[in-house]
Amino acid sequence: MSAEAKIELGQLTVSTSPHIRCDESISKIMWTVNACLAPAALFSVYQFGAPALITTLICIAAAVATEYLVQKWQGKPVTINDGSAFLTGLLLGMNIPATVPWYLPLSGAIVAIAIAKHTMGGLGYNIFNPALVGRAFLVASWPIAMTTWPEMASKIDGVTTATPLGILKLQGYEKLVAVFGDKLEMYKSLFLGTRSGSMGETSALLLLLGGCYLIYRGYINWRVPVFMIGTVGALTWAFGGPAGLFSGDPILSMISGGLILGAFFMATDMVTAPITVKGQIIFAIGAGALTVLIRLLGGYPEGVCFAILLMNSVTPLIDRYIKPEKYGAGR
């Protein structure tokens, strides 16, 4: 049937923009992100054993249950099937040590969902990344438990040790290299995840594969992880070396800690990151610079969590001043 005939029969649907439709949905995006995180999460269970599985399951179950109870209490439709609460729990689990007491993941998940997410209005309205707020709360409340790291279950069961960044901060670069034997072995262990740390510090390789798939699907902007990780590498090379300027190890800084997890899966959050490409680049560079500042001068060996949260706080300001050019402007 021609367009003219449809107009005569009143079959055309007229609506406001946008006029382009696709089959993407919040639920599809969230479950895709969960699937991209799953290989790294499962690898952490292999590395750290049953405690990693238990901690992750507590985080996820507590996050989903809190979402259900809060929405029921508020009289809102229950949306636990969209995968967003599941994702918050999974991300929180990957940001804490595997062997923490059960009440830590439970408390962190409740704070992440009930306070960081729903006091702001729920999905799409939260200013800060909920999983990172949960982690920050746990670090402030139980600093010793949150900085006591398990060694690999497949290596020495029940033994705790410092993370590579912890060794670097407290004992220096040479000691860190000596722990692994040589630089090549150190890079290999960090990239594959065969060392101590949180569950999100396991396999950089698997996190990169998951992140690259999200970029391929168009769910995240490649510029955010590239500029954030690149900034960390460049500034660490310039200012983080034991022998003065430009003597740091950029490779170590880029594949250690929670940088890859944060850059691909949390700094790219559609809700808490700027909406424009220029704004996202500024956000990523700022998060990378703050990460290096905290790592080098702060009291914690890792700074990704606090760096992203601090940049979340200035996202509204970035969006206010970095605006897309109006259609037809300047012509």
C-alpha atoms as a PDB file:
ATOM      1  CA  MET A   1       0.000   0.000   0.000  1.00  0.00           C
ATOM      2  CA  SER A   2       1.358   3.418  -0.933  1.00  0.00           C
ATOM      3  CA  ALA A   3       1.991   6.182   1.593  1.00  0.00           C
ATOM      4  CA  GLU A   4      -0.826   8.222   0.075  1.00  0.00           C
ATOM      5  CA  ALA A   5      -3.288   5.367   0.557  1.00  0.00           C
ATOM      6  CA  LYS A   6      -2.149   4.908   4.160  1.00  0.00           C
ATOM      7  CA  ILE A   7      -2.708   8.597   4.843  1.00  0.00           C
ATOM      8  CA  GLU A   8      -6.226   8.358   3.445  1.00  0.00           C
ATOM      9  CA  LEU A   9      -6.975   5.336   5.642  1.00  0.00           C
ATOM     10  CA  GLY A  10      -5.412   6.954   8.709  1.00  0.00           C
ATOM     11  CA  GLN A  11      -2.878   4.155   9.167  1.00  0.00           C
ATOM     12  CA  LEU A  12       0.219   6.312   9.674  1.00  0.00           C
ATOM     13  CA  THR A  13       1.454   6.703  13.263  1.00  0.00           C
ATOM     14  CA  VAL A  14       2.667  10.209  14.066  1.00  0.00           C
ATOM     15  CA  SER A  15       4.782  10.637  17.173  1.00  0.00           C
ATOM     16  CA  THR A  16       7.520  12.794  18.626  1.00  0.00           C
ATOM     17  CA  SER A  17      11.182  11.977  18.077  1.00  0.00           C
ATOM     18  CA  PRO A  18      13.119   9.747  18.117  1.00  0.00           C
ATOM     19  CA  HIS A  19      11.706   8.082  15.039  1.00  0.00           C
ATOM     20  CA  ILE A  20      14.410   5.420  14.740  1.00  0.00           C
ATOM     21  CA  ARG A  21      13.556   2.221  16.598  1.00  0.00           C
ATOM     22  CA  CYS A  22      15.674  -0.790  17.510  1.00  0.00           C
ATOM     23  CA  ASP A  23      15.214  -3.990  19.469  1.00  0.00           C
ATOM     24  CA  GLU A  24      17.553  -2.944  22.314  1.00  0.00           C
ATOM     25  CA  SER A  25      16.121  -2.632  25.812  1.00  0.00           C
ATOM     26  CA  ILE A  26      17.384  -2.003  29.336  1.00  0.00           C
ATOM     27  CA  SER A  27      16.920  -5.670  30.153  1.00  0.00           C
ATOM     28  CA  LYS A  28      18.833  -6.848  27.087  1.00  0.00           C
ATOM     29  CA  ILE A  29      21.713  -4.457  27.727  1.00  0.00           C
ATOM     30  CA  MET A  30      21.980  -5.324  31.418  1.00  0.00           C
ATOM     31  CA  TRP A  31      21.947  -9.078  30.879  1.00  0.00           C
ATOM     32  CA  THR A  32      24.511  -8.707  28.098  1.00  0.00           C
ATOM     33  CA  VAL A  33      26.827  -6.858  30.486  1.00  0.00           C
ATOM     34  CA  ASN A  34      26.250  -9.584  33.073  1.00  0.00           C
ATOM     35  CA  ALA A  35      27.162 -12.211  30.492  1.00  0.00           C
ATOM     36  CA  CYS A  36      30.344 -10.312  29.579  1.00  0.00           C
ATOM     37  CA  LEU A  37      31.375 -10.260  33.244  1.00  0.00           C
ATOM     38  CA  ALA A  38      30.534 -13.927  33.806  1.00  0.00           C
ATOM     39  CA  PRO A  39      33.797 -15.449  32.454  1.00  0.00           C
ATOM     40  CA  ALA A  40      35.951 -13.279  34.728  1.00  0.00           C
ATOM     41  CA  ALA A  41      33.645 -13.976  37.687  1.00  0.00           C
ATOM     42  CA  LEU A  42      33.794 -17.734  37.092  1.00  0.00           C
ATOM     43  CA  PHE A  43      37.558 -17.556  36.737  1.00  0.00           C
ATOM     44  CA  SER A  44      37.737 -15.831  40.133  1.00  0.00           C
ATOM     45  CA  VAL A  45      35.797 -18.745  41.624  1.00  0.00           C
ATOM     46  CA  TYR A  46      38.356 -21.106  40.105  1.00  0.00           C
ATOM     47  CA  GLN A  47      41.188 -18.997  41.502  1.00  0.00           C
ATOM     48  CA  PHE A  48      39.862 -18.362  45.002  1.00  0.00           C
ATOM     49  CA  GLY A  49      37.559 -21.322  45.502  1.00  0.00           C
ATOM     50  CA  ALA A  50      34.223 -21.637  47.298  1.00  0.00           C
ATOM     51  CA  PRO A  51      34.574 -18.370  49.299  1.00  0.00           C
ATOM     52  CA  ALA A  52      34.511 -16.404  46.033  1.00  0.00           C
ATOM     53  CA  LEU A  53      31.331 -18.136  44.925  1.00  0.00           C
ATOM     54  CA  ILE A  54      29.633 -17.610  48.294  1.00  0.00           C
ATOM     55  CA  THR A  55      30.585 -13.926  48.455  1.00  0.00           C
ATOM     56  CA  THR A  56      29.370 -13.300  44.908  1.00  0.00           C
ATOM     57  CA  LEU A  57      26.076 -15.098  45.477  1.00  0.00           C
ATOM     58  CA  ILE A  58      25.441 -13.133  48.690  1.00  0.00           C
ATOM     59  CA  CYS A  59      26.075  -9.864  46.853  1.00  0.00           C
ATOM     60  CA  ILE A  60      23.731 -10.761  44.005  1.00  0.00           C
ATOM     61  CA  ALA A  61      20.983 -12.205  46.205  1.00  0.00           C
ATOM     62  CA  ALA A  62      21.091  -9.254  48.613  1.00  0.00           C
ATOM     63  CA  ALA A  63      21.022  -6.721  45.763  1.00  0.00           C
ATOM     64  CA  VAL A  64      18.059  -8.368  44.031  1.00  0.00           C
ATOM     65  CA  ALA A  65      16.150  -8.871  47.292  1.00  0.00           C
ATOM     66  CA  THR A  66      16.742  -5.264  48.360  1.00  0.00           C
ATOM     67  CA  GLU A  67      15.520  -4.006  44.987  1.00  0.00           C
ATOM     68  CA  TYR A  68      12.360  -6.107  45.344  1.00  0.00           C
ATOM     69  CA  LEU A  69      11.627  -4.960  48.895  1.00  0.00           C
ATOM     70  CA  VAL A  70      12.294  -1.279  48.202  1.00  0.00           C
ATOM     71  CA  GLN A  71      10.091  -1.222  45.114  1.00  0.00           C
ATOM     72  CA  LYS A  72       7.319  -3.078  46.962  1.00  0.00           C
ATOM     73  CA  TRP A  73       7.554  -0.617  49.854  1.00  0.00           C
ATOM     74  CA  GLN A  74       7.432   2.340  47.469  1.00  0.00           C
ATOM     75  CA  GLY A  75       4.491   0.872  45.586  1.00  0.00           C
ATOM     76  CA  LYS A  76       6.428   0.833  42.313  1.00  0.00           C
ATOM     77  CA  PRO A  77       6.498  -1.931  39.697  1.00  0.00           C
ATOM     78  CA  VAL A  78       9.080  -4.572  40.586  1.00  0.00           C
ATOM     79  CA  THR A  79      11.840  -4.596  37.975  1.00  0.00           C
ATOM     80  CA  ILE A  80      14.241  -7.221  39.310  1.00  0.00           C
ATOM     81  CA  ASN A  81      14.033  -9.058  35.982  1.00  0.00           C
ATOM     82  CA  ASP A  82      15.785  -6.239  34.107  1.00  0.00           C
ATOM     83  CA  GLY A  83      19.187  -7.408  35.374  1.00  0.00           C
ATOM     84  CA  SER A  84      20.315  -4.065  36.818  1.00  0.00           C
ATOM     85  CA  ALA A  85      20.228  -5.185  40.471  1.00  0.00           C
ATOM     86  CA  PHE A  86      21.892  -8.461  39.485  1.00  0.00           C
ATOM     87  CA  LEU A  87      24.640  -6.452  37.762  1.00  0.00           C
ATOM     88  CA  THR A  88      25.145  -4.227  40.806  1.00  0.00           C
ATOM     89  CA  GLY A  89      25.541  -7.299  43.007  1.00  0.00           C
ATOM     90  CA  LEU A  90      27.936  -8.953  40.567  1.00  0.00           C
ATOM     91  CA  LEU A  91      30.080  -5.816  40.269  1.00  0.00           C
ATOM     92  CA  LEU A  92      30.154  -5.380  44.039  1.00  0.00           C
ATOM     93  CA  GLY A  93      31.223  -8.990  44.478  1.00  0.00           C
ATOM     94  CA  MET A  94      34.053  -8.478  42.018  1.00  0.00           C
ATOM     95  CA  ASN A  95      35.239  -5.411  43.949  1.00  0.00           C
ATOM     96  CA  ILE A  96      35.796  -7.085  47.312  1.00  0.00           C
ATOM     97  CA  PRO A  97      38.058  -9.860  48.613  1.00  0.00           C
ATOM     98  CA  ALA A  98      36.641 -13.359  48.341  1.00  0.00           C
ATOM     99  CA  THR A  99      37.121 -14.269  52.006  1.00  0.00           C
ATOM    100  CA  VAL A 100      35.332 -11.386  53.740  1.00  0.00           C
ATOM    101  CA  PRO A 101      32.710 -12.287  56.385  1.00  0.00           C
ATOM    102  CA  TRP A 102      29.204 -12.833  55.032  1.00  0.00           C
ATOM    103  CA  TYR A 103      27.793  -9.649  56.543  1.00  0.00           C
ATOM    104  CA  LEU A 104      30.094  -7.445  54.441  1.00  0.00           C
ATOM    105  CA  PRO A 105      28.685  -8.375  51.018  1.00  0.00           C
ATOM    106  CA  LEU A 106      25.197  -8.321  52.536  1.00  0.00           C
ATOM    107  CA  SER A 107      25.661  -4.816  53.960  1.00  0.00           C
ATOM    108  CA  GLY A 108      27.389  -3.503  50.853  1.00  0.00           C
ATOM    109  CA  ALA A 109      24.629  -4.716  48.552  1.00  0.00           C
ATOM    110  CA  ILE A 110      21.912  -3.180  50.728  1.00  0.00           C
ATOM    111  CA  VAL A 111      23.698   0.183  50.759  1.00  0.00           C
ATOM    112  CA  ALA A 112      24.305   0.019  47.005  1.00  0.00           C
ATOM    113  CA  ILE A 113      20.662  -0.616  46.125  1.00  0.00           C
ATOM    114  CA  ALA A 114      18.668   1.033  48.903  1.00  0.00           C
ATOM    115  CA  ILE A 115      20.792   4.168  49.331  1.00  0.00           C
ATOM    116  CA  ALA A 116      22.940   4.742  46.243  1.00  0.00           C
ATOM    117  CA  LYS A 117      20.243   3.730  43.776  1.00  0.00           C
ATOM    118  CA  HIS A 118      16.735   4.154  45.157  1.00  0.00           C
ATOM    119  CA  THR A 119      17.148   7.250  47.318  1.00  0.00           C
ATOM    120  CA  MET A 120      18.066   8.973  44.048  1.00  0.00           C
ATOM    121  CA  GLY A 121      14.930   7.723  42.301  1.00  0.00           C
ATOM    122  CA  GLY A 122      15.983   4.334  40.993  1.00  0.00           C
ATOM    123  CA  LEU A 123      17.516   3.207  37.727  1.00  0.00           C
ATOM    124  CA  GLY A 124      18.356   6.151  35.498  1.00  0.00           C
ATOM    125  CA  TYR A 125      18.394   8.729  38.287  1.00  0.00           C
ATOM    126  CA  ASN A 126      21.300   7.704  40.505  1.00  0.00           C
ATOM    127  CA  ILE A 127      24.261  10.093  40.488  1.00  0.00           C
ATOM    128  CA  PHE A 128      26.873   7.610  41.695  1.00  0.00           C
ATOM    129  CA  ASN A 129      27.628   4.085  40.561  1.00  0.00           C
ATOM    130  CA  PRO A 130      25.793   1.935  43.142  1.00  0.00           C
ATOM    131  CA  ALA A 131      28.336  -0.895  43.247  1.00  0.00           C
ATOM    132  CA  LEU A 132      31.178   1.542  43.903  1.00  0.00           C
ATOM    133  CA  VAL A 133      29.191   3.278  46.642  1.00  0.00           C
ATOM    134  CA  GLY A 134      28.720  -0.139  48.243  1.00  0.00           C
ATOM    135  CA  ARG A 135      32.432  -0.823  48.031  1.00  0.00           C
ATOM    136  CA  ALA A 136      33.360   2.616  49.408  1.00  0.00           C
ATOM    137  CA  PHE A 137      31.010   2.015  52.342  1.00  0.00           C
ATOM    138  CA  LEU A 138      32.676  -1.319  53.082  1.00  0.00           C
ATOM    139  CA  VAL A 139      36.193   0.143  52.848  1.00  0.00           C
ATOM    140  CA  ALA A 140      35.231   2.923  55.275  1.00  0.00           C
ATOM    141  CA  SER A 141      33.464   0.555  57.674  1.00  0.00           C
ATOM    142  CA  TRP A 142      35.737  -2.518  57.616  1.00  0.00           C
ATOM    143  CA  PRO A 143      39.119  -1.337  56.261  1.00  0.00           C
ATOM    144  CA  ILE A 144      41.107  -4.319  57.565  1.00  0.00           C
ATOM    145  CA  ALA A 145      38.767  -6.946  56.136  1.00  0.00           C
ATOM    146  CA  MET A 146      38.586  -5.068  52.835  1.00  0.00           C
ATOM    147  CA  THR A 147      42.371  -4.963  52.511  1.00  0.00           C
ATOM    148  CA  THR A 148      43.085  -8.564  53.525  1.00  0.00           C
ATOM    149  CA  TRP A 149      43.503 -10.493  50.311  1.00  0.00           C
ATOM    150  CA  PRO A 150      43.337 -14.273  49.823  1.00  0.00           C
ATOM    151  CA  GLU A 151      46.011 -16.139  47.922  1.00  0.00           C
ATOM    152  CA  MET A 152      44.812 -18.395  45.111  1.00  0.00           C
ATOM    153  CA  ALA A 153      42.915 -21.434  46.355  1.00  0.00           C
ATOM    154  CA  SER A 154      44.699 -23.536  43.751  1.00  0.00           C
ATOM    155  CA  LYS A 155      48.051 -22.492  45.210  1.00  0.00           C
ATOM    156  CA  ILE A 156      47.961 -22.099  48.994  1.00  0.00           C
ATOM    157  CA  ASP A 157      44.557 -22.521  50.576  1.00  0.00           C
ATOM    158  CA  GLY A 158      43.707 -20.090  53.349  1.00  0.00           C
ATOM    159  CA  VAL A 159      46.836 -17.934  53.068  1.00  0.00           C
ATOM    160  CA  THR A 160      46.494 -14.161  52.787  1.00  0.00           C
ATOM    161  CA  THR A 161      48.932 -11.813  51.135  1.00  0.00           C
ATOM    162  CA  ALA A 162      49.256  -8.268  49.812  1.00  0.00           C
ATOM    163  CA  THR A 163      48.114  -7.320  46.344  1.00  0.00           C
ATOM    164  CA  PRO A 164      50.740  -6.337  43.767  1.00  0.00           C
ATOM    165  CA  LEU A 165      49.785  -2.671  44.231  1.00  0.00           C
ATOM    166  CA  GLY A 166      50.056  -3.114  47.997  1.00  0.00           C
ATOM    167  CA  ILE A 167      53.548  -4.566  47.675  1.00  0.00           C
ATOM    168  CA  LEU A 168      54.494  -1.779  45.273  1.00  0.00           C
ATOM    169  CA  LYS A 169      53.283   0.930  47.655  1.00  0.00           C
ATOM    170  CA  LEU A 170      54.784  -0.490  50.833  1.00  0.00           C
ATOM    171  CA  GLN A 171      57.959  -2.223  49.626  1.00  0.00           C
ATOM    172  CA  GLY A 172      58.786  -0.753  46.255  1.00  0.00           C
ATOM    173  CA  TYR A 173      59.058  -1.804  42.634  1.00  0.00           C
ATOM    174  CA  GLU A 174      62.120  -4.001  42.955  1.00  0.00           C
ATOM    175  CA  LYS A 175      60.506  -6.057  45.710  1.00  0.00           C
ATOM    176  CA  LEU A 176      57.379  -6.522  43.581  1.00  0.00           C
ATOM    177  CA  VAL A 177      59.408  -7.813  40.649  1.00  0.00           C
ATOM    178  CA  ALA A 178      61.319 -10.111  42.985  1.00  0.00           C
ATOM    179  CA  VAL A 179      58.054 -11.609  44.281  1.00  0.00           C
ATOM    180  CA  PHE A 180      57.178 -12.760  40.759  1.00  0.00           C
ATOM    181  CA  GLY A 181      60.731 -13.601  39.727  1.00  0.00           C
ATOM    182  CA  ASP A 182      61.091 -11.214  36.794  1.00  0.00           C
ATOM    183  CA  LYS A 183      59.152  -8.577  34.859  1.00  0.00           C
ATOM    184  CA  LEU A 184      57.835 -10.947  32.222  1.00  0.00           C
ATOM    185  CA  GLU A 185      56.423 -13.326  34.814  1.00  0.00           C
ATOM    186  CA  MET A 186      54.914 -10.387  36.672  1.00  0.00           C
ATOM    187  CA  TYR A 187      53.161  -9.108  33.532  1.00  0.00           C
ATOM    188  CA  LYS A 188      51.948 -12.614  32.725  1.00  0.00           C
ATOM    189  CA  SER A 189      50.506 -13.149  36.206  1.00  0.00           C
ATOM    190  CA  LEU A 190      48.772  -9.784  36.207  1.00  0.00           C
ATOM    191  CA  PHE A 191      47.328 -10.252  32.726  1.00  0.00           C
ATOM    192  CA  LEU A 192      46.071 -13.777  33.331  1.00  0.00           C
ATOM    193  CA  GLY A 193      45.041 -13.161  36.943  1.00  0.00           C
ATOM    194  CA  THR A 194      47.197 -15.717  38.732  1.00  0.00           C
ATOM    195  CA  ARG A 195      47.856 -13.564  41.826  1.00  0.00           C
ATOM    196  CA  SER A 196      46.091 -12.198  44.891  1.00  0.00           C
ATOM    197  CA  GLY A 197      43.524  -9.424  44.923  1.00  0.00           C
ATOM    198  CA  SER A 198      39.801  -8.825  44.686  1.00  0.00           C
ATOM    199  CA  MET A 199      37.721 -11.006  42.383  1.00  0.00           C
ATOM    200  CA  GLY A 200      37.689  -8.211  39.806  1.00  0.00           C
ATOM    201  CA  GLU A 201      41.479  -8.218  39.715  1.00  0.00           C
ATOM    202  CA  THR A 202      41.648 -11.764  38.411  1.00  0.00           C
ATOM    203  CA  SER A 203      41.925 -12.102  34.657  1.00  0.00           C
ATOM    204  CA  ALA A 204      42.604  -8.885  32.770  1.00  0.00           C
ATOM    205  CA  LEU A 205      42.353 -10.949  29.605  1.00  0.00           C
ATOM    206  CA  LEU A 206      38.774 -12.085  30.260  1.00  0.00           C
ATOM    207  CA  LEU A 207      37.714  -8.588  31.330  1.00  0.00           C
ATOM    208  CA  LEU A 208      39.196  -7.152  28.145  1.00  0.00           C
ATOM    209  CA  LEU A 209      37.362  -9.697  26.007  1.00  0.00           C
ATOM    210  CA  GLY A 210      34.068  -8.884  27.719  1.00  0.00           C
ATOM    211  CA  GLY A 211      34.667  -5.158  27.446  1.00  0.00           C
ATOM    212  CA  CYS A 212      35.585  -5.372  23.779  1.00  0.00           C
ATOM    213  CA  TYR A 213      32.359  -7.244  23.072  1.00  0.00           C
ATOM    214  CA  LEU A 214      30.373  -4.429  24.701  1.00  0.00           C
ATOM    215  CA  ILE A 215      32.199  -1.949  22.474  1.00  0.00           C
ATOM    216  CA  TYR A 216      31.404  -4.108  19.438  1.00  0.00           C
ATOM    217  CA  ARG A 217      27.727  -4.122  20.380  1.00  0.00           C
ATOM    218  CA  GLY A 218      27.789  -0.358  20.818  1.00  0.00           C
ATOM    219  CA  TYR A 219      26.764  -0.512  24.486  1.00  0.00           C
ATOM    220  CA  ILE A 220      29.834   1.431  25.660  1.00  0.00           C
ATOM    221  CA  ASN A 221      32.083   4.050  24.078  1.00  0.00           C
ATOM    222  CA  TRP A 222      35.614   2.799  23.429  1.00  0.00           C
ATOM    223  CA  ARG A 223      37.027   6.222  24.253  1.00  0.00           C
ATOM    224  CA  VAL A 224      36.251   5.932  27.968  1.00  0.00           C
ATOM    225  CA  PRO A 225      38.351   2.825  28.759  1.00  0.00           C
ATOM    226  CA  VAL A 226      41.069   3.806  26.290  1.00  0.00           C
ATOM    227  CA  PHE A 227      41.517   7.324  27.683  1.00  0.00           C
ATOM    228  CA  MET A 228      41.211   6.234  31.303  1.00  0.00           C
ATOM    229  CA  ILE A 229      43.674   3.354  31.027  1.00  0.00           C
ATOM    230  CA  GLY A 230      45.964   5.413  28.784  1.00  0.00           C
ATOM    231  CA  THR A 231      45.986   8.292  31.273  1.00  0.00           C
ATOM    232  CA  VAL A 232      46.925   5.954  34.109  1.00  0.00           C
ATOM    233  CA  GLY A 233      49.742   4.466  32.037  1.00  0.00           C
ATOM    234  CA  ALA A 234      51.108   7.832  30.867  1.00  0.00           C
ATOM    235  CA  LEU A 235      51.017   9.534  34.274  1.00  0.00           C
ATOM    236  CA  THR A 236      52.491   6.513  36.064  1.00  0.00           C
ATOM    237  CA  TRP A 237      55.310   6.373  33.514  1.00  0.00           C
ATOM    238  CA  ALA A 238      55.954  10.086  34.036  1.00  0.00           C
ATOM    239  CA  PHE A 239      55.617  10.393  37.795  1.00  0.00           C
ATOM    240  CA  GLY A 240      55.462   6.902  39.326  1.00  0.00           C
ATOM    241  CA  GLY A 241      58.982   5.622  38.884  1.00  0.00           C
ATOM    242  CA  PRO A 242      61.577   5.030  41.592  1.00  0.00           C
ATOM    243  CA  ALA A 243      64.286   6.805  39.598  1.00  0.00           C
ATOM    244  CA  GLY A 244      62.520  10.106  38.983  1.00  0.00           C
ATOM    245  CA  LEU A 245      60.591  11.399  35.998  1.00  0.00           C
ATOM    246  CA  PHE A 246      59.705   8.996  33.197  1.00  0.00           C
ATOM    247  CA  SER A 247      60.959   5.911  35.003  1.00  0.00           C
ATOM    248  CA  GLY A 248      57.624   4.372  35.980  1.00  0.00           C
ATOM    249  CA  ASP A 249      56.190   1.113  34.663  1.00  0.00           C
ATOM    250  CA  PRO A 250      53.099   1.922  32.556  1.00  0.00           C
ATOM    251  CA  ILE A 251      52.319  -1.720  31.765  1.00  0.00           C
ATOM    252  CA  LEU A 252      52.202  -2.625  35.450  1.00  0.00           C
ATOM    253  CA  SER A 253      49.898   0.288  36.222  1.00  0.00           C
ATOM    254  CA  MET A 254      47.485  -0.530  33.391  1.00  0.00           C
ATOM    255  CA  ILE A 255      46.990  -4.246  34.077  1.00  0.00           C
ATOM    256  CA  SER A 256      47.100  -4.218  37.892  1.00  0.00           C
ATOM    257  CA  GLY A 257      44.386  -3.489  40.415  1.00  0.00           C
ATOM    258  CA  GLY A 258      40.804  -2.902  39.374  1.00  0.00           C
ATOM    259  CA  LEU A 259      41.607  -0.530  36.523  1.00  0.00           C
ATOM    260  CA  ILE A 260      40.363  -2.678  33.645  1.00  0.00           C
ATOM    261  CA  LEU A 261      37.183  -3.660  35.491  1.00  0.00           C
ATOM    262  CA  GLY A 262      36.515  -0.040  36.410  1.00  0.00           C
ATOM    263  CA  ALA A 263      37.365   1.418  33.018  1.00  0.00           C
ATOM    264  CA  PHE A 264      35.246  -0.990  30.963  1.00  0.00           C
ATOM    265  CA  PHE A 265      32.358  -1.816  33.293  1.00  0.00           C
ATOM    266  CA  MET A 266      31.872   1.113  35.699  1.00  0.00           C
ATOM    267  CA  ALA A 267      33.289   4.293  34.191  1.00  0.00           C
ATOM    268  CA  THR A 268      31.156   3.559  31.126  1.00  0.00           C
ATOM    269  CA  ASP A 269      27.915   3.419  33.128  1.00  0.00           C
ATOM    270  CA  MET A 270      25.232   5.052  30.968  1.00  0.00           C
ATOM    271  CA  VAL A 271      23.589   6.745  33.957  1.00  0.00           C
ATOM    272  CA  THR A 272      26.540   8.167  35.888  1.00  0.00           C
ATOM    273  CA  ALA A 273      28.864   9.119  33.003  1.00  0.00           C
ATOM    274  CA  PRO A 274      28.526  12.216  30.758  1.00  0.00           C
ATOM    275  CA  ILE A 275      26.261  11.983  27.738  1.00  0.00           C
ATOM    276  CA  THR A 276      28.523  13.589  25.122  1.00  0.00           C
ATOM    277  CA  VAL A 277      31.665  12.128  23.576  1.00  0.00           C
ATOM    278  CA  LYS A 278      33.785  15.125  24.653  1.00  0.00           C
ATOM    279  CA  GLY A 279      32.334  14.897  28.134  1.00  0.00           C
ATOM    280  CA  GLN A 280      33.126  11.191  28.353  1.00  0.00           C
ATOM    281  CA  ILE A 281      36.731  11.831  27.341  1.00  0.00           C
ATOM    282  CA  ILE A 282      37.078  14.494  30.040  1.00  0.00           C
ATOM    283  CA  PHE A 283      35.485  12.099  32.519  1.00  0.00           C
ATOM    284  CA  ALA A 284      37.872   9.290  31.562  1.00  0.00           C
ATOM    285  CA  ILE A 285      41.000  11.455  31.732  1.00  0.00           C
ATOM    286  CA  GLY A 286      39.905  12.841  35.100  1.00  0.00           C
ATOM    287  CA  ALA A 287      39.226   9.356  36.477  1.00  0.00           C
ATOM    288  CA  GLY A 288      42.611   8.150  35.244  1.00  0.00           C
ATOM    289  CA  ALA A 289      44.436  11.132  36.757  1.00  0.00           C
ATOM    290  CA  LEU A 290      42.682  10.719  40.110  1.00  0.00           C
ATOM    291  CA  THR A 291      43.494   7.004  40.104  1.00  0.00           C
ATOM    292  CA  VAL A 292      47.199   7.768  39.724  1.00  0.00           C
ATOM    293  CA  LEU A 293      47.042  10.531  42.350  1.00  0.00           C
ATOM    294  CA  ILE A 294      45.490   8.180  44.912  1.00  0.00           C
ATOM    295  CA  ARG A 295      47.824   5.319  44.032  1.00  0.00           C
ATOM    296  CA  LEU A 296      50.959   7.436  44.339  1.00  0.00           C
ATOM    297  CA  LEU A 297      50.102   9.861  47.126  1.00  0.00           C
ATOM    298  CA  GLY A 298      47.020   8.484  48.882  1.00  0.00           C
ATOM    299  CA  GLY A 299      46.732   6.109  51.791  1.00  0.00           C
ATOM    300  CA  TYR A 300      45.273   3.292  49.689  1.00  0.00           C
ATOM    301  CA  PRO A 301      47.273   1.355  47.097  1.00  0.00           C
ATOM    302  CA  GLU A 302      44.287   1.406  44.714  1.00  0.00           C
ATOM    303  CA  GLY A 303      42.285   4.437  43.624  1.00  0.00           C
ATOM    304  CA  VAL A 304      39.917   3.337  40.857  1.00  0.00           C
ATOM    305  CA  CYS A 305      36.799   3.189  43.042  1.00  0.00           C
ATOM    306  CA  PHE A 306      37.198   6.636  44.561  1.00  0.00           C
ATOM    307  CA  ALA A 307      38.377   8.158  41.280  1.00  0.00           C
ATOM    308  CA  ILE A 308      35.224   7.080  39.435  1.00  0.00           C
ATOM    309  CA  LEU A 309      32.969   8.189  42.298  1.00  0.00           C
ATOM    310  CA  LEU A 310      34.625  11.619  42.368  1.00  0.00           C
ATOM    311  CA  MET A 311      34.141  11.989  38.632  1.00  0.00           C
ATOM    312  CA  ASN A 312      30.511  10.846  39.013  1.00  0.00           C
ATOM    313  CA  SER A 313      30.028  13.908  41.229  1.00  0.00           C
ATOM    314  CA  VAL A 314      31.117  16.288  38.458  1.00  0.00           C
ATOM    315  CA  THR A 315      29.206  14.561  35.655  1.00  0.00           C
ATOM    316  CA  PRO A 316      26.290  17.059  35.898  1.00  0.00           C
ATOM    317  CA  LEU A 317      28.791  19.912  35.612  1.00  0.00           C
ATOM    318  CA  ILE A 318      30.430  18.333  32.572  1.00  0.00           C
ATOM    319  CA  ASP A 319      27.045  17.787  30.934  1.00  0.00           C
ATOM    320  CA  ARG A 320      26.124  21.396  31.642  1.00  0.00           C
ATOM    321  CA  TYR A 321      29.136  22.917  29.898  1.00  0.00           C
ATOM    322  CA  ILE A 322      29.954  20.277  27.277  1.00  0.00           C
ATOM    323  CA  LYS A 323      26.891  20.275  25.064  1.00  0.00           C
ATOM    324  CA  PRO A 324      26.412  18.956  21.523  1.00  0.00           C
ATOM    325  CA  GLU A 325      26.144  21.585  18.832  1.00  0.00           C
ATOM    326  CA  LYS A 326      22.578  22.472  17.979  1.00  0.00           C
ATOM    327  CA  TYR A 327      21.372  21.218  14.628  1.00  0.00           C
ATOM    328  CA  GLY A 328      21.844  23.935  12.041  1.00  0.00           C
ATOM    329  CA  ALA A 329      23.821  26.205  14.371  1.00  0.00           C
ATOM    330  CA  GLY A 330      26.538  28.240  12.739  1.00  0.00           C
ATOM    331  CA  ARG A 331      25.106  27.948   9.243  1.00  0.00           C
END
